[in-house]
């Protein structure tokens, strides 16, 4: 800082002979407030009565700059301008001006090296902090995923209270979606209360209405009629996710393929458990199911096939 101060002082004194020109080309671009130097341009020496020289002005200007909140930055700006200076014809003594410029360049080179080292250290510190946070998030994610898997298995051992199992399954899905930061809308009513939506979520700009079924017997196509109607009465960027814990009859995918509105994707209990056990990103699994429906008209893309495409084996 002391060396920067000295070079800034010399820059004010030697680079430009005319004081007002010096103020316009050096002080003003460096960010020096006009209030600091304006009165000095016309001030006279108390003893001689003559106008202050730049040698007399420079220490006063530097002292006033240092008292400002961003004084260090302004002094460095003066040194930087001096290091890039080429208009030596404006100086009273070109050799003095060139010596000042050379010293300013040396200082800026040193500053650049120090700043580069500081930035490198800062980047390393930030990278280490990001890695630490990522590891913490990974541990927290794995722990939560393990808890959800345990919750899934515990729910699977429940008795035949279908309604209770259905509520627990909805809660489990909501927790899974929250884990993967998928925006969830819990059950709500619409059409003046005439229609009950069990749940919904938003993924990549699309909304998905969700219906969960957990029955001892397989789901048949009639069980999907309600969800098909709800999706049909929704906006164009709406699809349906039908979750059936024990799967569905073979007629369900076939009849869905015949439906001109390809708007329902299927997920069963095995899909969900494998996703939790690996764990798999549930977002990617859902999007893979949507792609299979859009491209191949297949409403059900089982997780076993997804894993084959993802890793080449189950």
Protein backbone atom coordinates (compact mmCIF):
# COMPACT_ATOMS: atom_id res chain seq x y z
CA UNK A 1 0.00 0.00 0.00
CA UNK A 2 2.86 2.41 0.84
CA UNK A 3 4.54 1.80 -2.53
CA UNK A 4 1.23 2.26 -4.36
CA UNK A 5 0.74 5.54 -2.51
CA UNK A 6 4.20 6.76 -3.54
CA UNK A 7 3.70 5.86 -7.21
CA UNK A 8 0.22 7.45 -7.24
CA UNK A 9 1.79 10.60 -5.84
CA UNK A 10 4.47 10.56 -8.57
CA UNK A 11 1.85 9.97 -11.25
CA UNK A 12 0.01 13.13 -10.18
CA UNK A 13 3.29 15.05 -10.19
CA UNK A 14 4.98 13.85 -13.39
CA UNK A 15 2.63 12.43 -16.02
CA UNK A 16 0.81 15.61 -17.09
CA UNK A 17 2.21 19.13 -16.86
CA UNK A 18 -1.05 21.11 -16.87
CA UNK A 19 -3.00 20.68 -13.63
CA UNK A 20 -6.50 20.83 -15.09
CA UNK A 21 -5.56 18.35 -17.80
CA UNK A 22 -4.07 16.11 -15.12
CA UNK A 23 -7.36 16.23 -13.23
CA UNK A 24 -9.38 15.36 -16.33
CA UNK A 25 -7.12 12.55 -17.60
CA UNK A 26 -5.90 11.04 -14.34
CA UNK A 27 -7.87 11.95 -11.23
CA UNK A 28 -11.38 11.90 -12.69
CA UNK A 29 -11.01 8.53 -14.52
CA UNK A 30 -9.53 7.01 -11.33
CA UNK A 31 -12.68 7.93 -9.42
CA UNK A 32 -11.34 10.85 -7.38
CA UNK A 33 -14.17 13.09 -6.24
CA UNK A 34 -14.04 16.60 -7.70
CA UNK A 35 -14.52 17.95 -4.20
CA UNK A 36 -11.07 16.66 -3.32
CA UNK A 37 -9.09 18.42 -6.03
CA UNK A 38 -11.24 21.28 -7.39
CA UNK A 39 -10.16 23.90 -4.85
CA UNK A 40 -6.51 22.82 -5.06
CA UNK A 41 -6.34 23.71 -8.75
CA UNK A 42 -6.64 27.41 -7.92
CA UNK A 43 -5.28 27.45 -4.38
CA UNK A 44 -2.22 29.59 -3.62
CA UNK A 45 0.67 28.97 -1.29
CA UNK A 46 0.23 30.86 1.99
CA UNK A 47 3.89 31.99 2.02
CA UNK A 48 4.77 32.69 -1.60
CA UNK A 49 1.30 33.56 -2.83
CA UNK A 50 1.90 31.48 -5.93
CA UNK A 51 -0.38 28.72 -7.21
CA UNK A 52 0.31 25.35 -5.66
CA UNK A 53 2.59 23.14 -7.70
CA UNK A 54 1.63 19.55 -8.46
CA UNK A 55 4.29 18.53 -5.93
CA UNK A 56 2.42 20.49 -3.30
CA UNK A 57 -0.99 19.31 -4.43
CA UNK A 58 -0.24 15.60 -4.75
CA UNK A 59 0.22 14.76 -1.00
CA UNK A 60 -2.94 16.69 -0.16
CA UNK A 61 -4.91 14.81 -2.79
CA UNK A 62 -3.53 11.42 -1.70
CA UNK A 63 -4.29 12.19 1.96
CA UNK A 64 -7.89 13.14 1.13
CA UNK A 65 -8.32 10.02 -1.03
CA UNK A 66 -7.12 7.78 1.80
CA UNK A 67 -9.79 9.20 4.08
CA UNK A 68 -12.57 8.15 1.68
CA UNK A 69 -14.26 4.74 2.11
CA UNK A 70 -12.84 3.36 -1.16
CA UNK A 71 -9.50 5.14 -0.94
CA UNK A 72 -7.35 2.08 -1.54
CA UNK A 73 -9.26 1.23 -4.71
CA UNK A 74 -8.90 4.80 -6.05
CA UNK A 75 -5.16 4.90 -5.40
CA UNK A 76 -4.79 1.57 -7.17
CA UNK A 77 -6.81 2.99 -10.08
CA UNK A 78 -4.32 5.87 -10.35
CA UNK A 79 -1.43 3.39 -10.41
CA UNK A 80 -3.20 1.29 -13.02
CA UNK A 81 -3.81 4.30 -15.28
CA UNK A 82 -0.14 5.25 -14.85
CA UNK A 83 0.98 1.71 -15.79
CA UNK A 84 -0.90 2.02 -19.11
CA UNK A 85 0.18 5.60 -19.83
CA UNK A 86 1.64 6.42 -23.27
CA UNK A 87 0.97 10.17 -23.70
CA UNK A 88 4.42 11.27 -22.60
CA UNK A 89 4.22 14.47 -24.65
CA UNK A 90 1.91 15.86 -21.94
CA UNK A 91 4.66 15.65 -19.32
CA UNK A 92 7.02 18.46 -18.38
CA UNK A 93 9.84 15.92 -18.04
CA UNK A 94 9.41 12.85 -20.23
CA UNK A 95 12.15 10.88 -18.46
CA UNK A 96 10.51 11.35 -15.07
CA UNK A 97 7.17 10.37 -16.56
CA UNK A 98 8.61 7.20 -18.11
CA UNK A 99 10.26 6.25 -14.81
CA UNK A 100 6.90 6.66 -13.04
CA UNK A 101 5.16 4.52 -15.66
CA UNK A 102 7.81 1.80 -15.35
CA UNK A 103 7.44 1.71 -11.57
CA UNK A 104 3.64 1.61 -11.91
CA UNK A 105 3.93 -1.35 -14.28
CA UNK A 106 6.16 -3.21 -11.81
CA UNK A 107 3.65 -2.64 -9.01
CA UNK A 108 0.69 -3.73 -11.14
CA UNK A 109 2.61 -6.87 -12.12
CA UNK A 110 3.23 -7.67 -8.47
CA UNK A 111 -0.39 -6.93 -7.63
CA UNK A 112 -1.52 -9.16 -10.49
CA UNK A 113 0.62 -12.04 -9.20
CA UNK A 114 -0.65 -11.59 -5.65
CA UNK A 115 -4.28 -11.33 -6.80
CA UNK A 116 -3.87 -14.41 -9.00
CA UNK A 117 -2.54 -16.35 -6.01
CA UNK A 118 -5.33 -15.03 -3.79
CA UNK A 119 -7.95 -15.91 -6.41
CA UNK A 120 -6.48 -19.40 -6.80
CA UNK A 121 -6.58 -19.91 -3.06
CA UNK A 122 -10.13 -18.56 -2.94
CA UNK A 123 -11.17 -20.94 -5.73
CA UNK A 124 -9.57 -23.86 -3.91
CA UNK A 125 -11.32 -22.88 -0.69
CA UNK A 126 -14.65 -22.54 -2.48
CA UNK A 127 -14.14 -25.87 -4.27
CA UNK A 128 -13.37 -27.56 -0.95
CA UNK A 129 -16.46 -25.99 0.61
CA UNK A 130 -18.64 -27.03 -2.34
CA UNK A 131 -17.25 -30.57 -2.09
CA UNK A 132 -17.99 -30.65 1.64
CA UNK A 133 -21.53 -29.41 1.13
CA UNK A 134 -22.06 -31.85 -1.74
CA UNK A 135 -20.85 -34.70 0.47
CA UNK A 136 -23.17 -33.59 3.27
CA UNK A 137 -26.09 -33.40 0.84
CA UNK A 138 -25.20 -36.83 -0.53
CA UNK A 139 -25.14 -38.34 2.96
CA UNK A 140 -28.42 -36.65 3.87
CA UNK A 141 -29.95 -37.81 0.59
CA UNK A 142 -28.83 -41.40 1.11
CA UNK A 143 -30.10 -41.37 4.67
CA UNK A 144 -33.50 -39.99 3.63
CA UNK A 145 -33.69 -42.42 0.71
CA UNK A 146 -32.96 -45.29 3.09
CA UNK A 147 -35.69 -44.11 5.46
CA UNK A 148 -38.16 -43.95 2.59
CA UNK A 149 -37.21 -47.47 1.51
CA UNK A 150 -37.81 -48.69 5.06
CA UNK A 151 -41.13 -46.83 5.06
CA UNK A 152 -42.06 -48.49 1.76
CA UNK A 153 -41.27 -51.97 3.09
CA UNK A 154 -43.13 -51.31 6.33
CA UNK A 155 -46.16 -50.07 4.42
CA UNK A 156 -46.08 -53.21 2.26
CA UNK A 157 -46.51 -55.32 5.40
CA UNK A 158 -49.70 -53.58 6.48
CA UNK A 159 -53.00 -55.36 6.85
CA UNK A 160 -55.84 -55.25 4.36
CA UNK A 161 -57.03 -51.75 5.31
CA UNK A 162 -57.01 -50.49 1.74
CA UNK A 163 -57.95 -46.91 2.59
CA UNK A 164 -55.19 -46.58 5.17
CA UNK A 165 -52.64 -48.10 2.81
CA UNK A 166 -53.74 -45.68 0.09
CA UNK A 167 -53.17 -42.65 2.34
CA UNK A 168 -49.77 -43.94 3.43
CA UNK A 169 -48.82 -44.55 -0.19
CA UNK A 170 -49.79 -40.99 -1.15
CA UNK A 171 -47.70 -39.66 1.74
CA UNK A 172 -44.76 -41.83 0.67
CA UNK A 173 -44.93 -40.54 -2.90
CA UNK A 174 -45.11 -36.94 -1.68
CA UNK A 175 -42.00 -37.51 0.43
CA UNK A 176 -40.16 -39.04 -2.50
CA UNK A 177 -41.07 -36.14 -4.78
CA UNK A 178 -39.93 -33.65 -2.12
CA UNK A 179 -36.64 -35.52 -1.80
CA UNK A 180 -36.01 -35.02 -5.51
CA UNK A 181 -37.20 -31.39 -5.32
CA UNK A 182 -40.24 -32.01 -7.48
CA UNK A 183 -42.96 -29.44 -6.89
CA UNK A 184 -45.91 -31.25 -5.31
CA UNK A 185 -49.56 -30.19 -5.06
CA UNK A 186 -51.41 -32.12 -2.39
CA UNK A 187 -54.99 -33.26 -2.83
CA UNK A 188 -57.39 -30.51 -3.83
CA UNK A 189 -60.85 -29.93 -5.26
CA UNK A 190 -61.82 -28.14 -8.45
CA UNK A 191 -64.92 -27.45 -10.57
CA UNK A 192 -66.68 -25.94 -7.55
CA UNK A 193 -65.94 -28.97 -5.41
CA UNK A 194 -67.38 -31.47 -7.87
CA UNK A 195 -64.01 -33.03 -8.62
CA UNK A 196 -61.42 -34.36 -6.15
CA UNK A 197 -57.78 -34.56 -7.27
CA UNK A 198 -55.76 -36.93 -5.10
CA UNK A 199 -52.46 -35.23 -5.84
CA UNK A 200 -50.34 -33.63 -8.54
CA UNK A 201 -46.79 -32.57 -9.29
CA UNK A 202 -44.96 -30.41 -11.81
CA UNK A 203 -41.92 -31.56 -13.77
CA UNK A 204 -40.17 -29.68 -16.57
CA UNK A 205 -43.14 -27.45 -17.32
CA UNK A 206 -45.75 -30.24 -17.35
CA UNK A 207 -48.33 -31.00 -14.69
CA UNK A 208 -49.09 -34.58 -13.69
CA UNK A 209 -52.25 -35.69 -11.92
CA UNK A 210 -51.58 -38.68 -9.68
CA UNK A 211 -53.86 -41.51 -8.65
CA UNK A 212 -52.71 -44.26 -6.29
CA UNK A 213 -54.23 -47.72 -5.95
CA UNK A 214 -53.20 -50.43 -3.53
CA UNK A 215 -55.45 -53.41 -3.80
CA UNK A 216 -54.85 -57.08 -3.42
CA UNK A 217 -56.03 -57.73 -6.95
CA UNK A 218 -54.61 -56.20 -10.10
CA UNK A 219 -56.00 -52.96 -11.41
CA UNK A 220 -58.28 -53.12 -14.42
CA UNK A 221 -58.99 -50.50 -17.06
CA UNK A 222 -62.12 -49.23 -15.30
CA UNK A 223 -59.92 -48.08 -12.41
CA UNK A 224 -58.18 -45.70 -14.82
CA UNK A 225 -61.35 -44.10 -16.16
CA UNK A 226 -61.44 -41.50 -13.40
CA UNK A 227 -57.86 -40.36 -14.01
CA UNK A 228 -58.39 -40.31 -17.78
CA UNK A 229 -61.40 -38.04 -17.30
CA UNK A 230 -59.52 -35.72 -14.96
CA UNK A 231 -56.61 -35.37 -17.37
CA UNK A 232 -59.04 -34.81 -20.26
CA UNK A 233 -60.69 -31.96 -18.34
CA UNK A 234 -57.33 -30.32 -17.59
CA UNK A 235 -55.08 -28.07 -19.62
CA UNK A 236 -53.09 -29.32 -22.60
CA UNK A 237 -49.84 -29.59 -20.66
CA UNK A 238 -51.28 -32.14 -18.23
CA UNK A 239 -50.59 -35.85 -18.01
CA UNK A 240 -51.54 -38.56 -15.56
CA UNK A 241 -49.44 -40.89 -13.44
CA UNK A 242 -51.34 -43.97 -12.35
CA UNK A 243 -49.61 -45.83 -9.53
CA UNK A 244 -50.84 -49.33 -8.79
CA UNK A 245 -48.86 -51.16 -6.13
CA UNK A 246 -49.73 -54.64 -7.37
CA UNK A 247 -49.74 -53.78 -11.05
CA UNK A 248 -52.62 -54.22 -13.48
CA UNK A 249 -54.20 -56.71 -15.79
CA UNK A 250 -52.68 -57.25 -19.21
CA UNK A 251 -55.59 -55.42 -20.80
CA UNK A 252 -54.66 -52.09 -19.20
CA UNK A 253 -51.54 -51.22 -21.26
CA UNK A 254 -53.17 -52.59 -24.42
CA UNK A 255 -56.32 -50.47 -24.05
CA UNK A 256 -54.30 -47.40 -23.12
CA UNK A 257 -52.30 -47.82 -26.32
CA UNK A 258 -55.56 -47.81 -28.26
CA UNK A 259 -56.65 -44.55 -26.64
CA UNK A 260 -55.91 -41.68 -29.06
CA UNK A 261 -55.02 -39.45 -26.11
CA UNK A 262 -51.65 -40.79 -24.96
CA UNK A 263 -51.69 -39.06 -21.59
CA UNK A 264 -51.26 -41.74 -18.90
CA UNK A 265 -48.03 -43.34 -17.71
CA UNK A 266 -48.00 -46.34 -15.37
CA UNK A 267 -45.89 -47.13 -12.33
CA UNK A 268 -46.06 -50.13 -10.04
CA UNK A 269 -44.66 -51.02 -6.63
CA UNK A 270 -41.58 -52.72 -8.06
CA UNK A 271 -40.71 -49.57 -10.01
CA UNK A 272 -40.84 -47.52 -6.85
CA UNK A 273 -38.93 -49.93 -4.65
CA UNK A 274 -36.09 -50.37 -7.15
CA UNK A 275 -35.88 -46.59 -7.53
CA UNK A 276 -35.49 -46.26 -3.75
CA UNK A 277 -33.11 -49.18 -3.34
CA UNK A 278 -30.56 -48.16 -6.00
CA UNK A 279 -31.34 -45.19 -5.59
CA UNK A 280 -32.48 -43.89 -8.97
CA UNK A 281 -33.43 -40.33 -9.73
CA UNK A 282 -37.22 -40.53 -9.78
CA UNK A 283 -37.33 -37.55 -12.14
CA UNK A 284 -35.28 -39.39 -14.76
CA UNK A 285 -37.41 -42.51 -14.39
CA UNK A 286 -40.64 -40.54 -14.91
CA UNK A 287 -39.21 -38.69 -17.91
CA UNK A 288 -38.04 -42.01 -19.40
CA UNK A 289 -41.57 -43.35 -19.03
CA UNK A 290 -42.95 -40.23 -20.74
CA UNK A 291 -40.45 -40.60 -23.59
CA UNK A 292 -41.42 -44.23 -24.08
CA UNK A 293 -45.09 -43.22 -24.24
CA UNK A 294 -44.46 -40.34 -26.66
CA UNK A 295 -42.13 -42.22 -28.98
CA UNK A 296 -43.36 -45.80 -28.83
CA UNK A 297 -46.91 -45.43 -27.47
CA UNK A 298 -45.98 -47.61 -24.48
CA UNK A 299 -47.77 -46.48 -21.32
CA UNK A 300 -45.68 -48.76 -19.11
CA UNK A 301 -41.89 -48.68 -19.21
CA UNK A 302 -40.77 -50.96 -16.36
CA UNK A 303 -37.78 -50.02 -14.25
CA UNK A 304 -36.01 -53.27 -15.28
CA UNK A 305 -36.02 -52.14 -18.92
CA UNK A 306 -34.98 -48.64 -17.88
CA UNK A 307 -31.96 -50.05 -16.05
CA UNK A 308 -30.99 -52.12 -19.07
CA UNK A 309 -30.94 -49.00 -21.22
CA UNK A 310 -29.16 -47.05 -18.49
CA UNK A 311 -26.45 -49.51 -17.53
CA UNK A 312 -26.69 -52.32 -20.05
CA UNK A 313 -27.88 -54.76 -17.40
CA UNK A 314 -30.29 -55.00 -14.52
